[in-house]
Each structure stands twice: as C-alpha cells, then as structure tokens.
Amino acid sequence: MGAAAAAAAFASITISSAAFAGGCEISVTPASVAVGQQFTVAGNFGGAEIYLVPGENGVIPESATPDATTPAGDSFSVVFTAEAADLGDITVWAFIPASECGDSAPLTVVAVSDTSTGDMAPAPSAAGIGLIAFAVLGVGLLGGLVAVVAYRRP
C-alpha cells in the first residue's frame, strides 16, 4: 500500500504536456538567449506557477519551488534574466496547480561570446593611425638629418 501511495504522489508531481487540456498555452520569447539577457514567459491564463527546469523535456522535481507565480486573471507575462546556472536547454513549465491548465515551452541559454568580453583588441582609430604615421615620418626625417650631420663632420 505504501509503494502505491508513493507512486500516486509522484505521478501527481510528474507533469507531461499530455496531462494538460483546455487551451492553456505559454510562449517563451526569445527562444534562445545569452547569459545576462532577458526572456519573457507569457500565457493565456493567470494564477500560474512557472518553473525553469534543466534539460530538454525536463520534469519538475517533486520538491521544486516555482521560479515565479502570477496573479489570477486572463493572462500573464513575466520577464526573467538568464543566469550562468541556466546554461543549456531549459524546459519552461507554467500551470495552475490542481488543474488541467498548463503548458511547456523550450528555452536555450548560451554563454556570452568571447568577442563581447573585450578579448579582442579594438580597431585603431583614424587619429591613432595618423599619430603612428607622424611618428614614423618623424623618425625617418630625424634619421636622415643625423646622417647628413654625420657626413659633414670633418
């Protein structure tokens, strides 16, 4: 009897998209973001719990706490910021507890590219190029002057 009760409790926590009916839908935009960027989870129902679950087709763990909750109403829209811990494929779940209303959507969080961290040297400006050309020209002229003065010495 204990194993059957545990299995029934687990089945109530394990959520699959097949368990939902009633036209409750969510969207995640954009579907791919870099760490530090924002994404929006929106749905056509209110009173939802929103979970960000690691993995493609991720399942909400039994002891999970919602990442956000929404007030009751006809719709919701929640803005999140992707964190380093979110890297990879994420399944976003939103549902009304103890109901048949809910949905899931995929999200991919990628690392910030090296080019945005300043690892590349900046391109020289026109003023910088002009200064370098002036220095080269000055050294060349000075070298020529030294050669002329050295030649005239007795």
Protein backbone atom coordinates (compact mmCIF):
# COMPACT_ATOMS: atom_id res chain seq x y z
CA MET A 1 0.00 0.00 0.00
CA GLY A 2 2.88 2.39 0.83
CA ALA A 3 4.51 1.94 -2.59
CA ALA A 4 1.21 2.58 -4.36
CA ALA A 5 0.68 5.79 -2.38
CA ALA A 6 4.22 6.94 -3.17
CA ALA A 7 3.71 6.18 -6.85
CA ALA A 8 0.43 8.10 -6.87
CA ALA A 9 2.08 11.09 -5.16
CA PHE A 10 4.95 11.04 -7.66
CA ALA A 11 2.51 10.78 -10.58
CA SER A 12 0.76 13.92 -9.37
CA ILE A 13 4.06 15.83 -9.37
CA THR A 14 5.42 14.47 -12.66
CA ILE A 15 3.94 16.67 -15.32
CA SER A 16 3.78 15.98 -19.02
CA SER A 17 2.29 18.11 -21.74
CA ALA A 18 -0.21 15.31 -22.42
CA ALA A 19 -1.74 15.90 -18.97
CA PHE A 20 -2.91 19.41 -19.86
CA ALA A 21 -6.05 20.32 -21.70
CA GLY A 22 -8.31 23.31 -22.06
CA GLY A 23 -6.31 25.55 -24.39
CA CYS A 24 -3.89 26.91 -21.78
CA GLU A 25 -0.77 27.91 -23.67
CA ILE A 26 2.53 29.64 -22.96
CA SER A 27 5.26 31.16 -25.08
CA VAL A 28 8.89 31.98 -24.36
CA THR A 29 10.46 34.85 -26.32
CA PRO A 30 13.09 34.88 -27.50
CA ALA A 31 13.59 31.12 -27.51
CA SER A 32 17.38 31.48 -27.21
CA VAL A 33 19.26 33.99 -25.06
CA ALA A 34 22.77 34.56 -23.77
CA VAL A 35 23.59 34.68 -20.08
CA GLY A 36 22.57 38.11 -18.79
CA GLN A 37 19.87 38.65 -21.41
CA GLN A 38 16.16 38.76 -20.66
CA PHE A 39 13.39 36.49 -21.88
CA THR A 40 9.64 36.66 -21.38
CA VAL A 41 7.28 33.85 -20.41
CA ALA A 42 3.68 34.71 -21.35
CA GLY A 43 0.49 32.70 -21.09
CA ASN A 44 -3.20 32.95 -21.85
CA PHE A 45 -4.18 32.09 -18.26
CA GLY A 46 -3.44 33.51 -14.82
CA GLY A 47 -2.77 32.13 -11.37
CA ALA A 48 0.16 30.15 -12.77
CA GLU A 49 3.26 28.70 -11.21
CA ILE A 50 6.28 28.98 -13.52
CA TYR A 51 9.20 26.56 -13.34
CA LEU A 52 12.51 26.68 -15.25
CA VAL A 53 13.62 23.06 -15.43
CA PRO A 54 17.04 22.00 -16.79
CA GLY A 55 17.04 19.78 -19.86
CA GLU A 56 15.01 19.30 -22.98
CA ASN A 57 11.67 17.82 -21.86
CA GLY A 58 12.71 18.45 -18.24
CA VAL A 59 10.44 17.20 -15.48
CA ILE A 60 9.67 19.31 -12.42
CA PRO A 61 11.31 17.74 -9.35
CA GLU A 62 8.98 16.69 -6.53
CA SER A 63 10.32 19.28 -4.05
CA ALA A 64 10.59 22.14 -6.56
CA THR A 65 9.66 25.70 -5.70
CA PRO A 66 8.22 27.85 -8.51
CA ASP A 67 10.61 30.36 -10.09
CA ALA A 68 7.64 32.76 -10.29
CA THR A 69 3.93 32.87 -9.59
CA THR A 70 1.35 35.01 -11.33
CA PRO A 71 -1.86 36.61 -10.08
CA ALA A 72 -5.20 35.17 -11.13
CA GLY A 73 -6.54 36.56 -14.39
CA ASP A 74 -6.88 36.03 -18.10
CA SER A 75 -3.17 36.16 -18.94
CA PHE A 76 0.34 36.71 -17.61
CA SER A 77 3.73 37.95 -18.74
CA VAL A 78 6.86 37.52 -16.63
CA VAL A 79 10.37 38.73 -17.54
CA PHE A 80 13.36 36.65 -16.41
CA THR A 81 17.11 37.25 -16.76
CA ALA A 82 19.17 34.23 -17.86
CA GLU A 83 21.87 33.30 -15.38
CA ALA A 84 25.07 31.27 -15.75
CA ALA A 85 23.37 28.40 -13.87
CA ASP A 86 20.76 28.28 -16.66
CA LEU A 87 23.22 27.33 -19.45
CA GLY A 88 21.89 24.78 -21.90
CA ASP A 89 18.42 23.57 -22.77
CA ILE A 90 15.64 24.56 -20.37
CA THR A 91 12.01 23.45 -20.28
CA VAL A 92 9.75 26.25 -19.08
CA TRP A 93 6.60 24.96 -17.39
CA ALA A 94 3.61 27.10 -16.40
CA PHE A 95 0.42 25.68 -14.94
CA ILE A 96 -2.37 26.30 -12.48
CA PRO A 97 -1.89 23.89 -9.56
CA ALA A 98 -4.53 21.17 -9.13
CA SER A 99 -5.99 21.82 -12.58
CA GLU A 100 -5.70 20.61 -16.15
CA CYS A 101 -4.48 24.06 -17.29
CA GLY A 102 -0.81 24.36 -18.23
CA ASP A 103 1.81 24.16 -20.92
CA SER A 104 5.56 23.99 -21.53
CA ALA A 105 7.95 25.65 -23.97
CA PRO A 106 11.67 25.27 -24.75
CA LEU A 107 14.39 27.81 -23.96
CA THR A 108 18.11 27.68 -24.76
CA VAL A 109 20.62 29.69 -22.72
CA VAL A 110 24.07 30.14 -24.29
CA ALA A 111 27.33 31.52 -22.92
CA VAL A 112 28.33 35.07 -23.69
CA SER A 113 30.67 35.07 -26.71
CA ASP A 114 34.34 35.96 -26.20
CA THR A 115 34.06 38.94 -28.55
CA SER A 116 31.68 40.67 -26.17
CA THR A 117 34.06 40.37 -23.21
CA GLY A 118 36.73 42.60 -24.74
CA ASP A 119 39.18 39.81 -25.50
CA MET A 120 39.79 41.28 -28.95
CA ALA A 121 41.92 44.40 -29.38
CA PRO A 122 39.93 47.39 -30.57
CA ALA A 123 40.46 48.60 -34.12
CA PRO A 124 42.76 51.63 -34.28
CA SER A 125 41.06 54.96 -34.88
CA ALA A 126 41.94 57.34 -37.70
CA ALA A 127 43.63 59.64 -35.16
CA GLY A 128 45.72 56.72 -33.88
CA ILE A 129 46.79 55.77 -37.40
CA GLY A 130 47.70 59.41 -38.12
CA LEU A 131 49.78 59.61 -34.93
CA ILE A 132 51.65 56.42 -35.86
CA ALA A 133 52.30 57.72 -39.39
CA PHE A 134 53.55 61.05 -37.99
CA ALA A 135 55.90 59.22 -35.59
CA VAL A 136 57.29 57.03 -38.37
CA LEU A 137 57.76 60.03 -40.63
CA GLY A 138 59.43 61.97 -37.78
CA VAL A 139 61.85 59.16 -37.02
CA GLY A 140 62.66 58.86 -40.72
CA LEU A 141 63.35 62.59 -41.07
CA LEU A 142 65.41 62.66 -37.87
CA GLY A 143 67.44 59.69 -39.07
CA GLY A 144 68.09 61.46 -42.38
CA LEU A 145 69.17 64.65 -40.58
CA VAL A 146 71.58 62.70 -38.37
CA ALA A 147 73.05 61.03 -41.44
CA VAL A 148 73.61 64.42 -43.14
CA VAL A 149 75.19 65.95 -40.00
CA ALA A 150 77.40 62.90 -39.51
CA TYR A 151 78.56 63.07 -43.12
CA ARG A 152 79.64 66.77 -42.89
CA ARG A 153 81.82 66.30 -39.87
CA PRO A 154 85.46 66.56 -40.56
